Amino acid sequence: MDAVVLAGGYATRLWPITRHRPKMMLPVGETTVIDRVLSELESDGRVDDVYISTNERFADDFESFLADREYEKPRLSVEDTTGEDEKFGVVGALGQLVDREGIDDDLFVIAGDNLISFDVSDFIDAYEDNGATTLAAYDVGSREKAKSYGLVTLDDDEVVDFQEKPEDPASTLVSIACYVFPADQVRFEEYLEDGNNPDEPGWFIQWLVDNDEVYAYTFDEAWFDIGTPESYLTAVAYHLDGDNRVADGATVENSTLGENVHVLDDAEIVDSNLDNSIVFPEASIRDCDIRESIIDRETTLEDLDLAGALIGAHTTITNGDH
């Protein structure tokens, strides 16, 4: 089978942190969001080619990213857009990619901002057992959260009903944008020609449930949809598990690092207190109290008390600026 990693979003809810970088490249632990998916696809012998579906704006970033890795399978497939208002929609982009790359095999599709706790190989095993389209499903534990996703109703493992972004969800089991389609169910062109919604893949799944067999692979471990500052910091905290992590090249002097703090290469923390935050490379923080915040690279902060802050790259803020 072939695989597509969806990486074409502009992540406006994470700006300014993602204004000039794809959110899939955000660090989590010792690696990045997208590395976790790519490494598993690389190691599964059933996966042949891996296409990273991105846009013109971030194409160079992904070219550089792949040049620094030793993956053999991934290659870029670039859609002709540079901004949010030009996007084709996920299903529209998938349809174009399948046509552009001449894909005629079974197809694994996953959102590149998914942080999953199950093994991709286990998911593909489930697909092979089912012999039909299989999606990954997770209980988000909240009907309010379920409103933002595709609601899955099961009879054993078969999906008997699917509602994309329901106003009044009857349960909390949702699809997490991770699918395998048999070659004969890669029906994006047919779906789009019928005038259906080209945006979220859940609309296609809803249509497919009405026209074909779909099964679910449910899992109980962790799942993070990296779409907001809160979800990103929660994912970082999950992987740190209450600890803090300081890169070898970073400096921490006369400072207190609380739970779930990650300080990256060549950052400098002096006379400060940090908790539940991530500090990107070459940032300098002095005389600050910082909580639940994301501090981008080459930023200088002095004499500040911050909570829930997103500080963009190359920024200088001192108490005298307020």
C-alpha atoms as a PDB file:
ATOM      1  CA  MET A   1       0.000   0.000   0.000  1.00  0.00           C
ATOM      2  CA  ASP A   2       0.907   3.670  -0.295  1.00  0.00           C
ATOM      3  CA  ALA A   3       0.497   6.299   2.414  1.00  0.00           C
ATOM      4  CA  VAL A   4      -0.402   9.972   2.539  1.00  0.00           C
ATOM      5  CA  VAL A   5       0.517  12.189   5.477  1.00  0.00           C
ATOM      6  CA  LEU A   6      -1.692  15.276   5.415  1.00  0.00           C
ATOM      7  CA  ALA A   7       0.460  18.332   6.093  1.00  0.00           C
ATOM      8  CA  GLY A   8      -1.210  21.112   4.127  1.00  0.00           C
ATOM      9  CA  GLY A   9      -2.790  23.165   6.915  1.00  0.00           C
ATOM     10  CA  TYR A  10      -1.717  26.654   7.940  1.00  0.00           C
ATOM     11  CA  ALA A  11      -2.386  26.209  11.693  1.00  0.00           C
ATOM     12  CA  THR A  12      -3.649  29.743  12.255  1.00  0.00           C
ATOM     13  CA  ARG A  13      -4.760  28.920  15.817  1.00  0.00           C
ATOM     14  CA  LEU A  14      -1.092  28.401  16.712  1.00  0.00           C
ATOM     15  CA  TRP A  15       0.168  31.659  15.236  1.00  0.00           C
ATOM     16  CA  PRO A  16       2.677  33.228  15.659  1.00  0.00           C
ATOM     17  CA  ILE A  17       4.452  29.949  16.495  1.00  0.00           C
ATOM     18  CA  THR A  18       3.353  28.370  13.202  1.00  0.00           C
ATOM     19  CA  ARG A  19       3.327  31.470  11.023  1.00  0.00           C
ATOM     20  CA  HIS A  20       6.628  30.422   9.444  1.00  0.00           C
ATOM     21  CA  ARG A  21       6.769  26.682  10.182  1.00  0.00           C
ATOM     22  CA  PRO A  22       4.402  23.734   9.702  1.00  0.00           C
ATOM     23  CA  LYS A  23       2.890  22.628  13.003  1.00  0.00           C
ATOM     24  CA  MET A  24       3.916  19.061  12.140  1.00  0.00           C
ATOM     25  CA  MET A  25       7.523  20.140  12.785  1.00  0.00           C
ATOM     26  CA  LEU A  26       6.867  21.277  16.338  1.00  0.00           C
ATOM     27  CA  PRO A  27       9.076  19.404  18.796  1.00  0.00           C
ATOM     28  CA  VAL A  28       7.591  16.827  21.160  1.00  0.00           C
ATOM     29  CA  GLY A  29      10.178  15.192  23.364  1.00  0.00           C
ATOM     30  CA  GLU A  30      13.318  14.414  21.368  1.00  0.00           C
ATOM     31  CA  THR A  31      11.585  14.381  18.008  1.00  0.00           C
ATOM     32  CA  THR A  32       8.791  16.158  16.119  1.00  0.00           C
ATOM     33  CA  VAL A  33       5.098  15.526  15.602  1.00  0.00           C
ATOM     34  CA  ILE A  34       5.500  14.247  12.032  1.00  0.00           C
ATOM     35  CA  ASP A  35       8.652  12.190  12.740  1.00  0.00           C
ATOM     36  CA  ARG A  36       6.608   9.897  14.949  1.00  0.00           C
ATOM     37  CA  VAL A  37       4.335   8.956  12.055  1.00  0.00           C
ATOM     38  CA  LEU A  38       7.051   8.840   9.384  1.00  0.00           C
ATOM     39  CA  SER A  39       9.298   6.545  11.414  1.00  0.00           C
ATOM     40  CA  GLU A  40       6.499   3.988  11.820  1.00  0.00           C
ATOM     41  CA  LEU A  41       5.560   4.105   8.145  1.00  0.00           C
ATOM     42  CA  GLU A  42       9.249   3.724   7.287  1.00  0.00           C
ATOM     43  CA  SER A  43       9.554   0.552   9.352  1.00  0.00           C
ATOM     44  CA  ASP A  44       6.389  -1.232   8.126  1.00  0.00           C
ATOM     45  CA  GLY A  45       7.234  -3.342   5.071  1.00  0.00           C
ATOM     46  CA  ARG A  46       3.647  -3.242   3.804  1.00  0.00           C
ATOM     47  CA  VAL A  47       3.951   0.484   3.087  1.00  0.00           C
ATOM     48  CA  ASP A  48       5.667   1.319  -0.204  1.00  0.00           C
ATOM     49  CA  ASP A  49       5.636   5.050  -0.962  1.00  0.00           C
ATOM     50  CA  VAL A  50       4.823   7.784   1.564  1.00  0.00           C
ATOM     51  CA  TYR A  51       3.558  11.100   0.199  1.00  0.00           C
ATOM     52  CA  ILE A  52       3.696  14.190   2.397  1.00  0.00           C
ATOM     53  CA  SER A  53       0.822  16.313   1.116  1.00  0.00           C
ATOM     54  CA  THR A  54       1.664  19.951   1.697  1.00  0.00           C
ATOM     55  CA  ASN A  55       1.313  23.376   0.077  1.00  0.00           C
ATOM     56  CA  GLU A  56       3.692  25.655  -1.827  1.00  0.00           C
ATOM     57  CA  ARG A  57       4.228  27.851   1.208  1.00  0.00           C
ATOM     58  CA  PHE A  58       5.773  25.063   3.279  1.00  0.00           C
ATOM     59  CA  ALA A  59       7.271  22.948   0.487  1.00  0.00           C
ATOM     60  CA  ASP A  60      10.811  24.270   1.051  1.00  0.00           C
ATOM     61  CA  ASP A  61      10.526  23.591   4.797  1.00  0.00           C
ATOM     62  CA  PHE A  62       9.629  19.974   4.137  1.00  0.00           C
ATOM     63  CA  GLU A  63      12.375  19.617   1.520  1.00  0.00           C
ATOM     64  CA  SER A  64      14.940  20.754   4.099  1.00  0.00           C
ATOM     65  CA  PHE A  65      13.336  18.581   6.769  1.00  0.00           C
ATOM     66  CA  LEU A  66      13.567  15.430   4.643  1.00  0.00           C
ATOM     67  CA  ALA A  67      17.126  16.265   3.555  1.00  0.00           C
ATOM     68  CA  ASP A  68      18.145  16.174   7.235  1.00  0.00           C
ATOM     69  CA  ARG A  69      16.545  12.751   7.815  1.00  0.00           C
ATOM     70  CA  GLU A  70      17.462   9.298   6.604  1.00  0.00           C
ATOM     71  CA  TYR A  71      13.986   8.210   5.543  1.00  0.00           C
ATOM     72  CA  GLU A  72      13.798   6.383   2.230  1.00  0.00           C
ATOM     73  CA  LYS A  73      10.039   6.300   1.618  1.00  0.00           C
ATOM     74  CA  PRO A  74       8.742   9.880   2.037  1.00  0.00           C
ATOM     75  CA  ARG A  75       8.466  12.287  -0.873  1.00  0.00           C
ATOM     76  CA  LEU A  76       6.641  15.588  -1.219  1.00  0.00           C
ATOM     77  CA  SER A  77       3.429  16.047  -3.148  1.00  0.00           C
ATOM     78  CA  VAL A  78       2.710  19.761  -3.330  1.00  0.00           C
ATOM     79  CA  GLU A  79      -0.714  21.330  -3.854  1.00  0.00           C
ATOM     80  CA  ASP A  80      -0.865  24.629  -5.686  1.00  0.00           C
ATOM     81  CA  THR A  81      -1.817  26.865  -2.738  1.00  0.00           C
ATOM     82  CA  THR A  82       0.013  29.416  -0.605  1.00  0.00           C
ATOM     83  CA  GLY A  83      -2.718  30.603   1.781  1.00  0.00           C
ATOM     84  CA  GLU A  84      -5.748  29.452   3.787  1.00  0.00           C
ATOM     85  CA  ASP A  85      -8.235  31.044   1.364  1.00  0.00           C
ATOM     86  CA  GLU A  86      -6.834  29.022  -1.573  1.00  0.00           C
ATOM     87  CA  LYS A  87      -7.123  25.558  -0.014  1.00  0.00           C
ATOM     88  CA  PHE A  88      -8.893  22.799  -1.942  1.00  0.00           C
ATOM     89  CA  GLY A  89     -10.172  21.097   1.209  1.00  0.00           C
ATOM     90  CA  VAL A  90      -8.672  17.853   2.483  1.00  0.00           C
ATOM     91  CA  VAL A  91     -10.770  15.568   0.284  1.00  0.00           C
ATOM     92  CA  GLY A  92     -10.193  17.823  -2.724  1.00  0.00           C
ATOM     93  CA  ALA A  93      -6.446  17.742  -2.092  1.00  0.00           C
ATOM     94  CA  LEU A  94      -6.510  13.946  -1.664  1.00  0.00           C
ATOM     95  CA  GLY A  95      -8.356  13.536  -4.942  1.00  0.00           C
ATOM     96  CA  GLN A  96      -5.798  15.682  -6.726  1.00  0.00           C
ATOM     97  CA  LEU A  97      -2.888  13.850  -5.091  1.00  0.00           C
ATOM     98  CA  VAL A  98      -4.184  10.408  -6.086  1.00  0.00           C
ATOM     99  CA  ASP A  99      -4.517  11.637  -9.669  1.00  0.00           C
ATOM    100  CA  ARG A 100      -1.196  13.535  -9.678  1.00  0.00           C
ATOM    101  CA  GLU A 101       0.821  10.629  -8.281  1.00  0.00           C
ATOM    102  CA  GLY A 102      -1.038   7.886 -10.164  1.00  0.00           C
ATOM    103  CA  ILE A 103      -1.924   5.980  -6.980  1.00  0.00           C
ATOM    104  CA  ASP A 104      -3.874   2.784  -7.686  1.00  0.00           C
ATOM    105  CA  ASP A 105      -3.037   0.771  -4.573  1.00  0.00           C
ATOM    106  CA  ASP A 106      -4.524   0.505  -1.083  1.00  0.00           C
ATOM    107  CA  LEU A 107      -4.080   3.847   0.662  1.00  0.00           C
ATOM    108  CA  PHE A 108      -3.176   4.725   4.253  1.00  0.00           C
ATOM    109  CA  VAL A 109      -4.112   8.328   5.126  1.00  0.00           C
ATOM    110  CA  ILE A 110      -3.242  10.122   8.363  1.00  0.00           C
ATOM    111  CA  ALA A 111      -3.292  13.725   9.490  1.00  0.00           C
ATOM    112  CA  GLY A 112       0.273  14.866  10.072  1.00  0.00           C
ATOM    113  CA  ASP A 113      -0.702  16.692  13.266  1.00  0.00           C
ATOM    114  CA  ASN A 114      -1.961  13.461  14.868  1.00  0.00           C
ATOM    115  CA  LEU A 115       0.034  12.199  17.838  1.00  0.00           C
ATOM    116  CA  ILE A 116      -1.097   8.604  18.276  1.00  0.00           C
ATOM    117  CA  SER A 117      -0.172   6.095  20.954  1.00  0.00           C
ATOM    118  CA  PHE A 118      -0.952   2.913  19.029  1.00  0.00           C
ATOM    119  CA  ASP A 119       1.445   1.233  16.592  1.00  0.00           C
ATOM    120  CA  VAL A 120       0.708   1.902  12.926  1.00  0.00           C
ATOM    121  CA  SER A 121       1.502  -1.767  12.241  1.00  0.00           C
ATOM    122  CA  ASP A 122      -1.306  -2.844  14.613  1.00  0.00           C
ATOM    123  CA  PHE A 123      -3.707  -0.550  12.796  1.00  0.00           C
ATOM    124  CA  ILE A 124      -2.740  -2.003   9.412  1.00  0.00           C
ATOM    125  CA  ASP A 125      -3.166  -5.511  10.893  1.00  0.00           C
ATOM    126  CA  ALA A 126      -6.741  -4.587  11.820  1.00  0.00           C
ATOM    127  CA  TYR A 127      -7.368  -3.279   8.305  1.00  0.00           C
ATOM    128  CA  GLU A 128      -6.133  -6.535   6.780  1.00  0.00           C
ATOM    129  CA  ASP A 129      -8.416  -8.512   9.101  1.00  0.00           C
ATOM    130  CA  ASN A 130     -11.407  -6.336   8.150  1.00  0.00           C
ATOM    131  CA  GLY A 131     -10.753  -6.343   4.395  1.00  0.00           C
ATOM    132  CA  ALA A 132     -12.470  -2.970   4.016  1.00  0.00           C
ATOM    133  CA  THR A 133     -11.953   0.706   4.846  1.00  0.00           C
ATOM    134  CA  THR A 134     -10.814   0.985   8.459  1.00  0.00           C
ATOM    135  CA  LEU A 135     -10.629   4.132  10.590  1.00  0.00           C
ATOM    136  CA  ALA A 136      -9.051   4.738  13.980  1.00  0.00           C
ATOM    137  CA  ALA A 137     -11.550   5.752  16.665  1.00  0.00           C
ATOM    138  CA  TYR A 138     -11.014   7.229  20.117  1.00  0.00           C
ATOM    139  CA  ASP A 139     -13.325   8.091  23.012  1.00  0.00           C
ATOM    140  CA  VAL A 140     -12.728  11.783  23.740  1.00  0.00           C
ATOM    141  CA  GLY A 141     -14.816  11.497  26.920  1.00  0.00           C
ATOM    142  CA  SER A 142     -16.796  14.679  26.325  1.00  0.00           C
ATOM    143  CA  ARG A 143     -19.833  15.360  24.153  1.00  0.00           C
ATOM    144  CA  GLU A 144     -18.672  18.960  23.807  1.00  0.00           C
ATOM    145  CA  LYS A 145     -15.331  17.797  22.357  1.00  0.00           C
ATOM    146  CA  ALA A 146     -17.120  15.286  20.133  1.00  0.00           C
ATOM    147  CA  LYS A 147     -18.885  18.155  18.347  1.00  0.00           C
ATOM    148  CA  SER A 148     -15.579  19.008  16.657  1.00  0.00           C
ATOM    149  CA  TYR A 149     -14.991  15.571  15.132  1.00  0.00           C
ATOM    150  CA  GLY A 150     -16.677  12.774  13.217  1.00  0.00           C
ATOM    151  CA  LEU A 151     -18.952  10.768  15.503  1.00  0.00           C
ATOM    152  CA  VAL A 152     -18.711   6.992  15.061  1.00  0.00           C
ATOM    153  CA  THR A 153     -21.517   4.512  15.824  1.00  0.00           C
ATOM    154  CA  LEU A 154     -20.509   0.840  15.832  1.00  0.00           C
ATOM    155  CA  ASP A 155     -22.068  -2.593  15.581  1.00  0.00           C
ATOM    156  CA  ASP A 156     -19.177  -4.671  16.895  1.00  0.00           C
ATOM    157  CA  ASP A 157     -16.319  -3.226  14.771  1.00  0.00           C
ATOM    158  CA  GLU A 158     -18.429  -2.121  11.797  1.00  0.00           C
ATOM    159  CA  VAL A 159     -19.299   1.552  11.448  1.00  0.00           C
ATOM    160  CA  VAL A 160     -23.084   1.729  10.985  1.00  0.00           C
ATOM    161  CA  ASP A 161     -23.410   5.498  11.277  1.00  0.00           C
ATOM    162  CA  PHE A 162     -21.013   8.423  10.945  1.00  0.00           C
ATOM    163  CA  GLN A 163     -21.837  12.076  11.587  1.00  0.00           C
ATOM    164  CA  GLU A 164     -19.293  14.775  10.821  1.00  0.00           C
ATOM    165  CA  LYS A 165     -19.288  17.511  13.490  1.00  0.00           C
ATOM    166  CA  PRO A 166     -22.722  16.715  14.973  1.00  0.00           C
ATOM    167  CA  GLU A 167     -24.530  19.500  16.839  1.00  0.00           C
ATOM    168  CA  ASP A 168     -25.871  17.055  19.445  1.00  0.00           C
ATOM    169  CA  PRO A 169     -23.565  14.007  19.617  1.00  0.00           C
ATOM    170  CA  ALA A 170     -25.126  10.882  21.071  1.00  0.00           C
ATOM    171  CA  SER A 171     -21.772   9.500  22.246  1.00  0.00           C
ATOM    172  CA  THR A 172     -18.114  10.448  22.562  1.00  0.00           C
ATOM    173  CA  LEU A 173     -16.435   7.977  20.162  1.00  0.00           C
ATOM    174  CA  VAL A 174     -14.862   9.906  17.284  1.00  0.00           C
ATOM    175  CA  SER A 175     -12.732   9.346  14.194  1.00  0.00           C
ATOM    176  CA  ILE A 176      -9.185  10.721  14.478  1.00  0.00           C
ATOM    177  CA  ALA A 177      -8.264  11.242  10.797  1.00  0.00           C
ATOM    178  CA  CYS A 178      -6.365   7.975  10.392  1.00  0.00           C
ATOM    179  CA  TYR A 179      -7.670   5.594   7.717  1.00  0.00           C
ATOM    180  CA  VAL A 180      -6.775   2.762   5.371  1.00  0.00           C
ATOM    181  CA  PHE A 181      -8.771   2.453   2.147  1.00  0.00           C
ATOM    182  CA  PRO A 182      -8.680  -0.581  -0.162  1.00  0.00           C
ATOM    183  CA  ALA A 183      -7.851   0.420  -3.719  1.00  0.00           C
ATOM    184  CA  ASP A 184     -11.477   0.032  -4.834  1.00  0.00           C
ATOM    185  CA  GLN A 185     -12.690   2.354  -2.058  1.00  0.00           C
ATOM    186  CA  VAL A 186     -10.350   5.232  -2.930  1.00  0.00           C
ATOM    187  CA  ARG A 187     -13.394   6.942  -4.423  1.00  0.00           C
ATOM    188  CA  PHE A 188     -12.503  10.620  -3.946  1.00  0.00           C
ATOM    189  CA  GLU A 189     -13.127  11.506  -7.592  1.00  0.00           C
ATOM    190  CA  GLU A 190     -16.592   9.907  -7.590  1.00  0.00           C
ATOM    191  CA  TYR A 191     -17.433  11.613  -4.290  1.00  0.00           C
ATOM    192  CA  LEU A 192     -16.328  15.029  -5.547  1.00  0.00           C
ATOM    193  CA  GLU A 193     -18.057  14.660  -8.914  1.00  0.00           C
ATOM    194  CA  ASP A 194     -21.321  14.152  -7.012  1.00  0.00           C
ATOM    195  CA  GLY A 195     -20.895  17.663  -5.589  1.00  0.00           C
ATOM    196  CA  ASN A 196     -20.095  16.589  -2.043  1.00  0.00           C
ATOM    197  CA  ASN A 197     -18.201  18.619   0.567  1.00  0.00           C
ATOM    198  CA  PRO A 198     -14.472  18.749  -0.353  1.00  0.00           C
ATOM    199  CA  ASP A 199     -13.311  19.883   3.083  1.00  0.00           C
ATOM    200  CA  GLU A 200     -12.874  17.535   6.038  1.00  0.00           C
ATOM    201  CA  PRO A 201     -12.269  13.812   5.328  1.00  0.00           C
ATOM    202  CA  GLY A 202     -15.095  12.973   7.725  1.00  0.00           C
ATOM    203  CA  TRP A 203     -17.615  14.059   5.092  1.00  0.00           C
ATOM    204  CA  PHE A 204     -16.136  11.477   2.726  1.00  0.00           C
ATOM    205  CA  ILE A 205     -16.278   8.806   5.452  1.00  0.00           C
ATOM    206  CA  GLN A 206     -19.925   9.685   6.131  1.00  0.00           C
ATOM    207  CA  TRP A 207     -20.639   9.214   2.413  1.00  0.00           C
ATOM    208  CA  LEU A 208     -18.601   5.985   2.307  1.00  0.00           C
ATOM    209  CA  VAL A 209     -20.507   4.487   5.249  1.00  0.00           C
ATOM    210  CA  ASP A 210     -23.714   4.986   3.235  1.00  0.00           C
ATOM    211  CA  ASN A 211     -22.180   3.409   0.133  1.00  0.00           C
ATOM    212  CA  ASP A 212     -19.742   0.746   1.341  1.00  0.00           C
ATOM    213  CA  GLU A 213     -18.381  -1.152   4.339  1.00  0.00           C
ATOM    214  CA  VAL A 214     -16.334   0.730   6.939  1.00  0.00           C
ATOM    215  CA  TYR A 215     -14.800  -0.655  10.129  1.00  0.00           C
ATOM    216  CA  ALA A 216     -13.223   0.917  13.214  1.00  0.00           C
ATOM    217  CA  TYR A 217     -10.026   0.233  15.116  1.00  0.00           C
ATOM    218  CA  THR A 218     -10.637   1.564  18.619  1.00  0.00           C
ATOM    219  CA  PHE A 219      -7.837   2.292  21.054  1.00  0.00           C
ATOM    220  CA  ASP A 220      -7.712   3.433  24.680  1.00  0.00           C
ATOM    221  CA  GLU A 221      -4.292   5.024  24.992  1.00  0.00           C
ATOM    222  CA  ALA A 222      -3.486   8.683  24.369  1.00  0.00           C
ATOM    223  CA  TRP A 223      -4.282  10.764  21.298  1.00  0.00           C
ATOM    224  CA  PHE A 224      -3.495  14.415  20.642  1.00  0.00           C
ATOM    225  CA  ASP A 225      -4.802  16.597  17.842  1.00  0.00           C
ATOM    226  CA  ILE A 226      -2.140  19.326  17.636  1.00  0.00           C
ATOM    227  CA  GLY A 227      -4.352  22.236  16.639  1.00  0.00           C
ATOM    228  CA  THR A 228      -4.226  24.688  19.536  1.00  0.00           C
ATOM    229  CA  PRO A 229      -1.581  25.900  22.010  1.00  0.00           C
ATOM    230  CA  GLU A 230      -3.378  23.993  24.760  1.00  0.00           C
ATOM    231  CA  SER A 231      -3.379  20.691  22.869  1.00  0.00           C
ATOM    232  CA  TYR A 232       0.268  21.095  21.912  1.00  0.00           C
ATOM    233  CA  LEU A 233       1.347  21.769  25.495  1.00  0.00           C
ATOM    234  CA  THR A 234      -0.778  18.842  26.685  1.00  0.00           C
ATOM    235  CA  ALA A 235       1.025  16.571  24.210  1.00  0.00           C
ATOM    236  CA  VAL A 236       4.404  17.858  25.377  1.00  0.00           C
ATOM    237  CA  ALA A 237       3.370  17.268  29.001  1.00  0.00           C
ATOM    238  CA  TYR A 238       2.224  13.723  28.226  1.00  0.00           C
ATOM    239  CA  HIS A 239       5.602  12.825  26.758  1.00  0.00           C
ATOM    240  CA  LEU A 240       7.541  14.534  29.551  1.00  0.00           C
ATOM    241  CA  ASP A 241       5.303  12.793  32.124  1.00  0.00           C
ATOM    242  CA  GLY A 242       5.818  15.459  34.791  1.00  0.00           C
ATOM    243  CA  ASP A 243       9.559  15.768  34.288  1.00  0.00           C
ATOM    244  CA  ASN A 244      11.498  18.603  32.720  1.00  0.00           C
ATOM    245  CA  ARG A 245      14.041  18.252  29.941  1.00  0.00           C
ATOM    246  CA  VAL A 246      16.981  20.520  29.218  1.00  0.00           C
ATOM    247  CA  ALA A 247      18.982  20.088  26.012  1.00  0.00           C
ATOM    248  CA  ASP A 248      22.729  19.588  26.399  1.00  0.00           C
ATOM    249  CA  GLY A 249      23.498  22.967  24.849  1.00  0.00           C
ATOM    250  CA  ALA A 250      21.002  24.926  26.959  1.00  0.00           C
ATOM    251  CA  THR A 251      21.853  26.992  30.052  1.00  0.00           C
ATOM    252  CA  VAL A 252      19.757  27.091  33.224  1.00  0.00           C
ATOM    253  CA  GLU A 253      21.129  29.267  36.038  1.00  0.00           C
ATOM    254  CA  ASN A 254      19.559  30.127  39.401  1.00  0.00           C
ATOM    255  CA  SER A 255      16.169  29.082  38.058  1.00  0.00           C
ATOM    256  CA  THR A 256      13.341  26.716  38.993  1.00  0.00           C
ATOM    257  CA  LEU A 257      11.868  24.410  36.397  1.00  0.00           C
ATOM    258  CA  GLY A 258       8.551  22.939  37.471  1.00  0.00           C
ATOM    259  CA  GLU A 259       6.652  20.119  35.806  1.00  0.00           C
ATOM    260  CA  ASN A 260       6.665  19.533  32.065  1.00  0.00           C
ATOM    261  CA  VAL A 261       9.219  22.121  30.997  1.00  0.00           C
ATOM    262  CA  HIS A 262      11.270  21.510  27.860  1.00  0.00           C
ATOM    263  CA  VAL A 263      14.240  23.801  27.147  1.00  0.00           C
ATOM    264  CA  LEU A 264      15.752  23.265  23.707  1.00  0.00           C
ATOM    265  CA  ASP A 265      19.253  23.748  22.268  1.00  0.00           C
ATOM    266  CA  ASP A 266      21.185  26.892  23.160  1.00  0.00           C
ATOM    267  CA  ALA A 267      18.312  28.457  25.083  1.00  0.00           C
ATOM    268  CA  GLU A 268      19.240  30.423  28.222  1.00  0.00           C
ATOM    269  CA  ILE A 269      17.144  30.542  31.408  1.00  0.00           C
ATOM    270  CA  VAL A 270      18.486  32.815  34.169  1.00  0.00           C
ATOM    271  CA  ASP A 271      16.870  33.855  37.491  1.00  0.00           C
ATOM    272  CA  SER A 272      13.476  32.604  36.327  1.00  0.00           C
ATOM    273  CA  ASN A 273      10.669  30.189  37.181  1.00  0.00           C
ATOM    274  CA  LEU A 274       9.033  28.070  34.463  1.00  0.00           C
ATOM    275  CA  ASP A 275       6.182  25.600  34.591  1.00  0.00           C
ATOM    276  CA  ASN A 276       4.384  23.609  31.851  1.00  0.00           C
ATOM    277  CA  SER A 277       6.151  25.479  29.059  1.00  0.00           C
ATOM    278  CA  ILE A 278       8.432  24.899  26.094  1.00  0.00           C
ATOM    279  CA  VAL A 279      11.351  27.154  25.176  1.00  0.00           C
ATOM    280  CA  PHE A 280      12.686  26.925  21.638  1.00  0.00           C
ATOM    281  CA  PRO A 281      16.364  27.140  20.595  1.00  0.00           C
ATOM    282  CA  GLU A 282      18.417  30.260  21.262  1.00  0.00           C
ATOM    283  CA  ALA A 283      15.732  31.971  23.346  1.00  0.00           C
ATOM    284  CA  SER A 284      16.882  34.021  26.344  1.00  0.00           C
ATOM    285  CA  ILE A 285      14.705  34.311  29.458  1.00  0.00           C
ATOM    286  CA  ARG A 286      15.808  36.404  32.442  1.00  0.00           C
ATOM    287  CA  ASP A 287      13.991  37.351  35.647  1.00  0.00           C
ATOM    288  CA  CYS A 288      10.697  35.880  34.436  1.00  0.00           C
ATOM    289  CA  ASP A 289       7.822  33.780  35.786  1.00  0.00           C
ATOM    290  CA  ILE A 290       6.357  31.786  32.886  1.00  0.00           C
ATOM    291  CA  ARG A 291       3.517  29.247  32.920  1.00  0.00           C
ATOM    292  CA  GLU A 292       1.642  27.310  30.212  1.00  0.00           C
ATOM    293  CA  SER A 293       3.512  29.183  27.473  1.00  0.00           C
ATOM    294  CA  ILE A 294       5.309  28.582  24.180  1.00  0.00           C
ATOM    295  CA  ILE A 295       8.421  30.693  23.626  1.00  0.00           C
ATOM    296  CA  ASP A 296       9.725  30.578  20.070  1.00  0.00           C
ATOM    297  CA  ARG A 297      13.339  30.645  18.926  1.00  0.00           C
ATOM    298  CA  GLU A 298      15.733  33.582  19.289  1.00  0.00           C
ATOM    299  CA  THR A 299      13.378  35.424  21.614  1.00  0.00           C
ATOM    300  CA  THR A 300      14.496  37.666  24.483  1.00  0.00           C
ATOM    301  CA  LEU A 301      12.251  38.064  27.529  1.00  0.00           C
ATOM    302  CA  GLU A 302      13.195  40.033  30.657  1.00  0.00           C
ATOM    303  CA  ASP A 303      11.365  40.792  33.916  1.00  0.00           C
ATOM    304  CA  LEU A 304       7.986  39.383  32.851  1.00  0.00           C
ATOM    305  CA  ASP A 305       5.144  37.392  34.414  1.00  0.00           C
ATOM    306  CA  LEU A 306       3.432  35.381  31.666  1.00  0.00           C
ATOM    307  CA  ALA A 307       0.712  32.729  31.625  1.00  0.00           C
ATOM    308  CA  GLY A 308      -0.769  31.149  28.498  1.00  0.00           C
ATOM    309  CA  ALA A 309       1.523  33.160  26.227  1.00  0.00           C
ATOM    310  CA  LEU A 310       2.604  32.478  22.640  1.00  0.00           C
ATOM    311  CA  ILE A 311       5.716  34.498  21.893  1.00  0.00           C
ATOM    312  CA  GLY A 312       6.803  34.533  18.255  1.00  0.00           C
ATOM    313  CA  ALA A 313      10.344  34.104  17.008  1.00  0.00           C
ATOM    314  CA  HIS A 314      12.910  36.931  17.085  1.00  0.00           C
ATOM    315  CA  THR A 315      10.850  38.904  19.630  1.00  0.00           C
ATOM    316  CA  THR A 316      12.261  41.093  22.407  1.00  0.00           C
ATOM    317  CA  ILE A 317       9.980  41.987  25.331  1.00  0.00           C
ATOM    318  CA  THR A 318      11.103  43.538  28.604  1.00  0.00           C
ATOM    319  CA  ASN A 319       9.125  44.982  31.479  1.00  0.00           C
ATOM    320  CA  GLY A 320       9.879  48.459  30.183  1.00  0.00           C
ATOM    321  CA  ASP A 321       7.820  47.691  27.049  1.00  0.00           C
ATOM    322  CA  HIS A 322       4.589  47.446  29.043  1.00  0.00           C
END
